Amino acid sequence: MTSSRLVVAALVGWLLVGALVAAPQFVQGPGERYAHSMAYDSQRDVVVLFGGNRTHQWPQAALADTWEWDGLQWTQVSTNGP
């Protein structure tokens, strides 16, 4: 195989692999925020996110929600609180 054919074969292979990779999908979740807390729960293999704030208005815009990420989707966790 000549070097030009090898380059063309490599490019075609690369393009085919790129076509097979799924495009990123939007995942419903907690939305953007800052000043939140996150921890990894190794027993259940999930990431837990708690609270934060969507604006700079403290404490009026403070969030007290809990979410879990399992690697595929976000799930809002119902918690009992004051």
PDB file of N, CA and C in Angstrom:
ATOM      1  N   MET A   1       0.862  -1.179   0.000  1.00  0.00           N
ATOM      2  CA  MET A   1       0.000   0.000   0.000  1.00  0.00           C
ATOM      3  C   MET A   1       0.901   1.232   0.000  1.00  0.00           C
ATOM      4  N   THR A   2       0.611   2.150  -0.871  1.00  0.00           N
ATOM      5  CA  THR A   2       1.420   3.367  -0.925  1.00  0.00           C
ATOM      6  C   THR A   2       1.053   4.265   0.241  1.00  0.00           C
ATOM      7  N   SER A   3       1.952   5.205   0.509  1.00  0.00           N
ATOM      8  CA  SER A   3       1.718   6.092   1.645  1.00  0.00           C
ATOM      9  C   SER A   3       0.464   6.949   1.450  1.00  0.00           C
ATOM     10  N   SER A   4       0.157   7.354   0.222  1.00  0.00           N
ATOM     11  CA  SER A   4      -1.040   8.175   0.001  1.00  0.00           C
ATOM     12  C   SER A   4      -2.309   7.358   0.254  1.00  0.00           C
ATOM     13  N   ARG A   5      -2.296   6.084  -0.133  1.00  0.00           N
ATOM     14  CA  ARG A   5      -3.459   5.223   0.135  1.00  0.00           C
ATOM     15  C   ARG A   5      -3.608   4.973   1.628  1.00  0.00           C
ATOM     16  N   LEU A   6      -2.491   4.845   2.308  1.00  0.00           N
ATOM     17  CA  LEU A   6      -2.528   4.638   3.756  1.00  0.00           C
ATOM     18  C   LEU A   6      -3.125   5.850   4.463  1.00  0.00           C
ATOM     19  N   VAL A   7      -2.742   7.037   4.032  1.00  0.00           N
ATOM     20  CA  VAL A   7      -3.269   8.264   4.625  1.00  0.00           C
ATOM     21  C   VAL A   7      -4.771   8.368   4.368  1.00  0.00           C
ATOM     22  N   VAL A   8      -5.209   8.057   3.154  1.00  0.00           N
ATOM     23  CA  VAL A   8      -6.630   8.117   2.816  1.00  0.00           C
ATOM     24  C   VAL A   8      -7.402   7.087   3.647  1.00  0.00           C
ATOM     25  N   ALA A   9      -6.869   5.875   3.778  1.00  0.00           N
ATOM     26  CA  ALA A   9      -7.532   4.840   4.575  1.00  0.00           C
ATOM     27  C   ALA A   9      -7.640   5.268   6.031  1.00  0.00           C
ATOM     28  N   ALA A  10      -6.595   5.891   6.556  1.00  0.00           N
ATOM     29  CA  ALA A  10      -6.614   6.359   7.940  1.00  0.00           C
ATOM     30  C   ALA A  10      -7.664   7.453   8.125  1.00  0.00           C
ATOM     31  N   LEU A  11      -7.746   8.378   7.181  1.00  0.00           N
ATOM     32  CA  LEU A  11      -8.734   9.450   7.266  1.00  0.00           C
ATOM     33  C   LEU A  11     -10.157   8.908   7.193  1.00  0.00           C
ATOM     34  N   VAL A  12     -10.396   7.966   6.276  1.00  0.00           N
ATOM     35  CA  VAL A  12     -11.734   7.387   6.155  1.00  0.00           C
ATOM     36  C   VAL A  12     -12.096   6.644   7.440  1.00  0.00           C
ATOM     37  N   GLY A  13     -11.161   5.894   7.990  1.00  0.00           N
ATOM     38  CA  GLY A  13     -11.406   5.184   9.244  1.00  0.00           C
ATOM     39  C   GLY A  13     -11.714   6.151  10.371  1.00  0.00           C
ATOM     40  N   TRP A  14     -10.955   7.238  10.442  1.00  0.00           N
ATOM     41  CA  TRP A  14     -11.182   8.239  11.486  1.00  0.00           C
ATOM     42  C   TRP A  14     -12.555   8.866  11.343  1.00  0.00           C
ATOM     43  N   LEU A  15     -12.958   9.173  10.109  1.00  0.00           N
ATOM     44  CA  LEU A  15     -14.268   9.777   9.874  1.00  0.00           C
ATOM     45  C   LEU A  15     -15.392   8.811  10.227  1.00  0.00           C
ATOM     46  N   LEU A  16     -15.220   7.529   9.922  1.00  0.00           N
ATOM     47  CA  LEU A  16     -16.244   6.538  10.257  1.00  0.00           C
ATOM     48  C   LEU A  16     -16.390   6.387  11.764  1.00  0.00           C
ATOM     49  N   VAL A  17     -15.280   6.358  12.476  1.00  0.00           N
ATOM     50  CA  VAL A  17     -15.336   6.257  13.929  1.00  0.00           C
ATOM     51  C   VAL A  17     -16.014   7.493  14.502  1.00  0.00           C
ATOM     52  N   GLY A  18     -15.681   8.678  13.984  1.00  0.00           N
ATOM     53  CA  GLY A  18     -16.306   9.916  14.449  1.00  0.00           C
ATOM     54  C   GLY A  18     -17.804   9.937  14.205  1.00  0.00           C
ATOM     55  N   ALA A  19     -18.252   9.323  13.109  1.00  0.00           N
ATOM     56  CA  ALA A  19     -19.676   9.287  12.801  1.00  0.00           C
ATOM     57  C   ALA A  19     -20.431   8.348  13.736  1.00  0.00           C
ATOM     58  N   LEU A  20     -19.746   7.353  14.284  1.00  0.00           N
ATOM     59  CA  LEU A  20     -20.389   6.389  15.166  1.00  0.00           C
ATOM     60  C   LEU A  20     -20.514   6.875  16.598  1.00  0.00           C
ATOM     61  N   VAL A  21     -19.738   7.888  16.963  1.00  0.00           N
ATOM     62  CA  VAL A  21     -19.779   8.414  18.321  1.00  0.00           C
ATOM     63  C   VAL A  21     -21.005   9.306  18.455  1.00  0.00           C
ATOM     64  N   ALA A  22     -21.815   9.047  19.469  1.00  0.00           N
ATOM     65  CA  ALA A  22     -23.040   9.820  19.668  1.00  0.00           C
ATOM     66  C   ALA A  22     -22.716  11.260  20.054  1.00  0.00           C
ATOM     67  N   ALA A  23     -23.505  12.164  19.550  1.00  0.00           N
ATOM     68  CA  ALA A  23     -23.351  13.569  19.915  1.00  0.00           C
ATOM     69  C   ALA A  23     -23.781  13.748  21.364  1.00  0.00           C
ATOM     70  N   PRO A  24     -23.153  14.672  22.080  1.00  0.00           N
ATOM     71  CA  PRO A  24     -23.565  14.926  23.472  1.00  0.00           C
ATOM     72  C   PRO A  24     -25.042  15.315  23.531  1.00  0.00           C
ATOM     73  N   GLN A  25     -25.719  14.831  24.535  1.00  0.00           N
ATOM     74  CA  GLN A  25     -27.135  15.112  24.719  1.00  0.00           C
ATOM     75  C   GLN A  25     -27.320  15.986  25.958  1.00  0.00           C
ATOM     76  N   PHE A  26     -28.324  16.856  25.920  1.00  0.00           N
ATOM     77  CA  PHE A  26     -28.648  17.679  27.082  1.00  0.00           C
ATOM     78  C   PHE A  26     -29.269  16.792  28.147  1.00  0.00           C
ATOM     79  N   VAL A  27     -28.818  16.942  29.361  1.00  0.00           N
ATOM     80  CA  VAL A  27     -29.347  16.164  30.482  1.00  0.00           C
ATOM     81  C   VAL A  27     -30.035  17.108  31.454  1.00  0.00           C
ATOM     82  N   GLN A  28     -31.297  16.824  31.771  1.00  0.00           N
ATOM     83  CA  GLN A  28     -32.009  17.631  32.762  1.00  0.00           C
ATOM     84  C   GLN A  28     -31.316  17.450  34.106  1.00  0.00           C
ATOM     85  N   GLY A  29     -31.145  18.511  34.817  1.00  0.00           N
ATOM     86  CA  GLY A  29     -30.467  18.405  36.097  1.00  0.00           C
ATOM     87  C   GLY A  29     -30.647  19.638  36.948  1.00  0.00           C
ATOM     88  N   PRO A  30     -29.760  19.824  37.899  1.00  0.00           N
ATOM     89  CA  PRO A  30     -29.918  20.900  38.867  1.00  0.00           C
ATOM     90  C   PRO A  30     -29.697  22.303  38.319  1.00  0.00           C
ATOM     91  N   GLY A  31     -29.120  22.449  37.179  1.00  0.00           N
ATOM     92  CA  GLY A  31     -28.873  23.776  36.634  1.00  0.00           C
ATOM     93  C   GLY A  31     -27.611  24.407  37.207  1.00  0.00           C
ATOM     94  N   GLU A  32     -27.202  25.499  36.592  1.00  0.00           N
ATOM     95  CA  GLU A  32     -25.964  26.129  37.036  1.00  0.00           C
ATOM     96  C   GLU A  32     -26.144  26.787  38.396  1.00  0.00           C
ATOM     97  N   ARG A  33     -25.051  26.802  39.158  1.00  0.00           N
ATOM     98  CA  ARG A  33     -25.053  27.362  40.509  1.00  0.00           C
ATOM     99  C   ARG A  33     -23.622  27.517  40.976  1.00  0.00           C
ATOM    100  N   TYR A  34     -23.456  28.189  42.068  1.00  0.00           N
ATOM    101  CA  TYR A  34     -22.141  28.288  42.681  1.00  0.00           C
ATOM    102  C   TYR A  34     -22.298  28.164  44.189  1.00  0.00           C
ATOM    103  N   ALA A  35     -21.202  27.986  44.877  1.00  0.00           N
ATOM    104  CA  ALA A  35     -21.171  27.840  46.333  1.00  0.00           C
ATOM    105  C   ALA A  35     -21.951  26.615  46.808  1.00  0.00           C
ATOM    106  N   HIS A  36     -21.970  25.572  45.976  1.00  0.00           N
ATOM    107  CA  HIS A  36     -22.643  24.327  46.343  1.00  0.00           C
ATOM    108  C   HIS A  36     -21.633  23.348  46.938  1.00  0.00           C
ATOM    109  N   SER A  37     -22.129  22.229  47.430  1.00  0.00           N
ATOM    110  CA  SER A  37     -21.270  21.178  47.960  1.00  0.00           C
ATOM    111  C   SER A  37     -21.516  19.902  47.180  1.00  0.00           C
ATOM    112  N   MET A  38     -20.430  19.156  46.911  1.00  0.00           N
ATOM    113  CA  MET A  38     -20.546  17.882  46.222  1.00  0.00           C
ATOM    114  C   MET A  38     -19.661  16.861  46.911  1.00  0.00           C
ATOM    115  N   ALA A  39     -20.124  15.610  46.891  1.00  0.00           N
ATOM    116  CA  ALA A  39     -19.347  14.522  47.475  1.00  0.00           C
ATOM    117  C   ALA A  39     -19.637  13.252  46.690  1.00  0.00           C
ATOM    118  N   TYR A  40     -18.659  12.352  46.651  1.00  0.00           N
ATOM    119  CA  TYR A  40     -18.845  11.061  45.986  1.00  0.00           C
ATOM    120  C   TYR A  40     -19.202  10.007  47.018  1.00  0.00           C
ATOM    121  N   ASP A  41     -20.313   9.300  46.800  1.00  0.00           N
ATOM    122  CA  ASP A  41     -20.747   8.222  47.672  1.00  0.00           C
ATOM    123  C   ASP A  41     -20.275   6.904  47.053  1.00  0.00           C
ATOM    124  N   SER A  42     -19.171   6.371  47.554  1.00  0.00           N
ATOM    125  CA  SER A  42     -18.585   5.162  46.973  1.00  0.00           C
ATOM    126  C   SER A  42     -19.420   3.913  47.254  1.00  0.00           C
ATOM    127  N   GLN A  43     -20.239   3.921  48.283  1.00  0.00           N
ATOM    128  CA  GLN A  43     -21.104   2.778  48.579  1.00  0.00           C
ATOM    129  C   GLN A  43     -22.181   2.600  47.508  1.00  0.00           C
ATOM    130  N   ARG A  44     -22.721   3.739  47.022  1.00  0.00           N
ATOM    131  CA  ARG A  44     -23.785   3.690  46.022  1.00  0.00           C
ATOM    132  C   ARG A  44     -23.318   4.099  44.638  1.00  0.00           C
ATOM    133  N   ASP A  45     -22.055   4.504  44.515  1.00  0.00           N
ATOM    134  CA  ASP A  45     -21.456   4.904  43.236  1.00  0.00           C
ATOM    135  C   ASP A  45     -22.219   6.065  42.590  1.00  0.00           C
ATOM    136  N   VAL A  46     -22.491   7.099  43.376  1.00  0.00           N
ATOM    137  CA  VAL A  46     -23.158   8.303  42.884  1.00  0.00           C
ATOM    138  C   VAL A  46     -22.447   9.540  43.427  1.00  0.00           C
ATOM    139  N   VAL A  47     -22.598  10.651  42.716  1.00  0.00           N
ATOM    140  CA  VAL A  47     -22.124  11.946  43.198  1.00  0.00           C
ATOM    141  C   VAL A  47     -23.335  12.676  43.759  1.00  0.00           C
ATOM    142  N   VAL A  48     -23.198  13.236  44.942  1.00  0.00           N
ATOM    143  CA  VAL A  48     -24.298  13.938  45.599  1.00  0.00           C
ATOM    144  C   VAL A  48     -23.986  15.435  45.591  1.00  0.00           C
ATOM    145  N   LEU A  49     -24.951  16.226  45.151  1.00  0.00           N
ATOM    146  CA  LEU A  49     -24.812  17.690  45.119  1.00  0.00           C
ATOM    147  C   LEU A  49     -25.857  18.271  46.063  1.00  0.00           C
ATOM    148  N   PHE A  50     -25.438  19.242  46.861  1.00  0.00           N
ATOM    149  CA  PHE A  50     -26.384  19.907  47.756  1.00  0.00           C
ATOM    150  C   PHE A  50     -26.262  21.420  47.649  1.00  0.00           C
ATOM    151  N   GLY A  51     -27.415  22.062  47.567  1.00  0.00           N
ATOM    152  CA  GLY A  51     -27.529  23.507  47.710  1.00  0.00           C
ATOM    153  C   GLY A  51     -26.759  24.355  46.728  1.00  0.00           C
ATOM    154  N   GLY A  52     -26.372  25.500  47.222  1.00  0.00           N
ATOM    155  CA  GLY A  52     -25.686  26.485  46.404  1.00  0.00           C
ATOM    156  C   GLY A  52     -26.530  27.737  46.259  1.00  0.00           C
ATOM    157  N   ASN A  53     -26.250  28.487  45.202  1.00  0.00           N
ATOM    158  CA  ASN A  53     -26.937  29.741  44.959  1.00  0.00           C
ATOM    159  C   ASN A  53     -26.896  30.034  43.468  1.00  0.00           C
ATOM    160  N   ARG A  54     -27.974  30.547  42.913  1.00  0.00           N
ATOM    161  CA  ARG A  54     -28.016  30.881  41.488  1.00  0.00           C
ATOM    162  C   ARG A  54     -27.660  32.348  41.227  1.00  0.00           C
ATOM    163  N   THR A  55     -27.718  33.170  42.251  1.00  0.00           N
ATOM    164  CA  THR A  55     -27.405  34.591  42.102  1.00  0.00           C
ATOM    165  C   THR A  55     -26.492  35.010  43.251  1.00  0.00           C
ATOM    166  N   HIS A  56     -26.243  36.288  43.355  1.00  0.00           N
ATOM    167  CA  HIS A  56     -25.421  36.810  44.452  1.00  0.00           C
ATOM    168  C   HIS A  56     -26.276  37.329  45.605  1.00  0.00           C
ATOM    169  N   GLN A  57     -27.526  36.960  45.622  1.00  0.00           N
ATOM    170  CA  GLN A  57     -28.448  37.430  46.662  1.00  0.00           C
ATOM    171  C   GLN A  57     -28.521  36.429  47.804  1.00  0.00           C
ATOM    172  N   TRP A  58     -27.733  36.642  48.838  1.00  0.00           N
ATOM    173  CA  TRP A  58     -27.787  35.761  50.012  1.00  0.00           C
ATOM    174  C   TRP A  58     -28.649  36.411  51.077  1.00  0.00           C
ATOM    175  N   PRO A  59     -29.459  35.731  51.816  1.00  0.00           N
ATOM    176  CA  PRO A  59     -29.827  34.325  51.678  1.00  0.00           C
ATOM    177  C   PRO A  59     -31.049  34.112  50.792  1.00  0.00           C
ATOM    178  N   GLN A  60     -31.580  35.170  50.171  1.00  0.00           N
ATOM    179  CA  GLN A  60     -32.823  35.058  49.419  1.00  0.00           C
ATOM    180  C   GLN A  60     -32.754  34.028  48.287  1.00  0.00           C
ATOM    181  N   ALA A  61     -31.638  33.891  47.610  1.00  0.00           N
ATOM    182  CA  ALA A  61     -31.553  32.975  46.461  1.00  0.00           C
ATOM    183  C   ALA A  61     -30.831  31.675  46.804  1.00  0.00           C
ATOM    184  N   ALA A  62     -30.646  31.417  48.080  1.00  0.00           N
ATOM    185  CA  ALA A  62     -29.969  30.182  48.489  1.00  0.00           C
ATOM    186  C   ALA A  62     -30.833  28.974  48.134  1.00  0.00           C
ATOM    187  N   LEU A  63     -30.191  27.914  47.692  1.00  0.00           N
ATOM    188  CA  LEU A  63     -30.870  26.676  47.324  1.00  0.00           C
ATOM    189  C   LEU A  63     -30.637  25.629  48.406  1.00  0.00           C
ATOM    190  N   ALA A  64     -31.619  24.806  48.656  1.00  0.00           N
ATOM    191  CA  ALA A  64     -31.481  23.735  49.649  1.00  0.00           C
ATOM    192  C   ALA A  64     -31.915  22.405  49.034  1.00  0.00           C
ATOM    193  N   ASP A  65     -31.612  22.222  47.734  1.00  0.00           N
ATOM    194  CA  ASP A  65     -32.010  20.992  47.066  1.00  0.00           C
ATOM    195  C   ASP A  65     -30.853  19.995  47.034  1.00  0.00           C
ATOM    196  N   THR A  66     -31.183  18.720  46.892  1.00  0.00           N
ATOM    197  CA  THR A  66     -30.192  17.655  46.837  1.00  0.00           C
ATOM    198  C   THR A  66     -30.403  16.868  45.549  1.00  0.00           C
ATOM    199  N   TRP A  67     -29.297  16.635  44.825  1.00  0.00           N
ATOM    200  CA  TRP A  67     -29.332  15.903  43.565  1.00  0.00           C
ATOM    201  C   TRP A  67     -28.283  14.798  43.600  1.00  0.00           C
ATOM    202  N   GLU A  68     -28.535  13.741  42.820  1.00  0.00           N
ATOM    203  CA  GLU A  68     -27.556  12.665  42.668  1.00  0.00           C
ATOM    204  C   GLU A  68     -27.286  12.417  41.192  1.00  0.00           C
ATOM    205  N   TRP A  69     -26.016  12.196  40.865  1.00  0.00           N
ATOM    206  CA  TRP A  69     -25.580  11.889  39.497  1.00  0.00           C
ATOM    207  C   TRP A  69     -25.019  10.478  39.489  1.00  0.00           C
ATOM    208  N   ASP A  70     -25.596   9.596  38.674  1.00  0.00           N
ATOM    209  CA  ASP A  70     -25.149   8.209  38.612  1.00  0.00           C
ATOM    210  C   ASP A  70     -24.239   7.923  37.418  1.00  0.00           C
ATOM    211  N   GLY A  71     -23.851   8.965  36.714  1.00  0.00           N
ATOM    212  CA  GLY A  71     -23.013   8.805  35.531  1.00  0.00           C
ATOM    213  C   GLY A  71     -23.806   8.905  34.244  1.00  0.00           C
ATOM    214  N   LEU A  72     -25.130   8.787  34.343  1.00  0.00           N
ATOM    215  CA  LEU A  72     -25.993   8.889  33.174  1.00  0.00           C
ATOM    216  C   LEU A  72     -27.061   9.960  33.321  1.00  0.00           C
ATOM    217  N   GLN A  73     -27.568  10.125  34.522  1.00  0.00           N
ATOM    218  CA  GLN A  73     -28.650  11.087  34.713  1.00  0.00           C
ATOM    219  C   GLN A  73     -28.629  11.675  36.121  1.00  0.00           C
ATOM    220  N   TRP A  74     -29.235  12.853  36.229  1.00  0.00           N
ATOM    221  CA  TRP A  74     -29.440  13.504  37.518  1.00  0.00           C
ATOM    222  C   TRP A  74     -30.783  13.081  38.070  1.00  0.00           C
ATOM    223  N   THR A  75     -30.850  12.890  39.377  1.00  0.00           N
ATOM    224  CA  THR A  75     -32.099  12.589  40.065  1.00  0.00           C
ATOM    225  C   THR A  75     -32.208  13.522  41.259  1.00  0.00           C
ATOM    226  N   GLN A  76     -33.326  14.236  41.360  1.00  0.00           N
ATOM    227  CA  GLN A  76     -33.527  15.085  42.524  1.00  0.00           C
ATOM    228  C   GLN A  76     -33.988  14.211  43.679  1.00  0.00           C
ATOM    229  N   VAL A  77     -33.313  14.348  44.803  1.00  0.00           N
ATOM    230  CA  VAL A  77     -33.589  13.528  45.981  1.00  0.00           C
ATOM    231  C   VAL A  77     -34.509  14.312  46.905  1.00  0.00           C
ATOM    232  N   SER A  78     -35.565  13.681  47.325  1.00  0.00           N
ATOM    233  CA  SER A  78     -36.488  14.306  48.263  1.00  0.00           C
ATOM    234  C   SER A  78     -35.893  14.195  49.659  1.00  0.00           C
ATOM    235  N   THR A  79     -35.788  15.323  50.333  1.00  0.00           N
ATOM    236  CA  THR A  79     -35.251  15.326  51.690  1.00  0.00           C
ATOM    237  C   THR A  79     -36.253  15.973  52.630  1.00  0.00           C
ATOM    238  N   ASN A  80     -36.217  15.558  53.849  1.00  0.00           N
ATOM    239  CA  ASN A  80     -37.034  16.187  54.880  1.00  0.00           C
ATOM    240  C   ASN A  80     -36.232  17.268  55.546  1.00  0.00           C
ATOM    241  N   GLY A  81     -36.746  18.442  55.533  1.00  0.00           N
ATOM    242  CA  GLY A  81     -36.025  19.552  56.147  1.00  0.00           C
ATOM    243  C   GLY A  81     -36.979  20.511  56.813  1.00  0.00           C
ATOM    244  N   PRO A  82     -36.421  21.516  57.456  1.00  0.00           N
ATOM    245  CA  PRO A  82     -37.279  22.489  58.147  1.00  0.00           C
ATOM    246  C   PRO A  82     -38.088  23.328  57.173  1.00  0.00           C
TER     247      PRO A  82
END
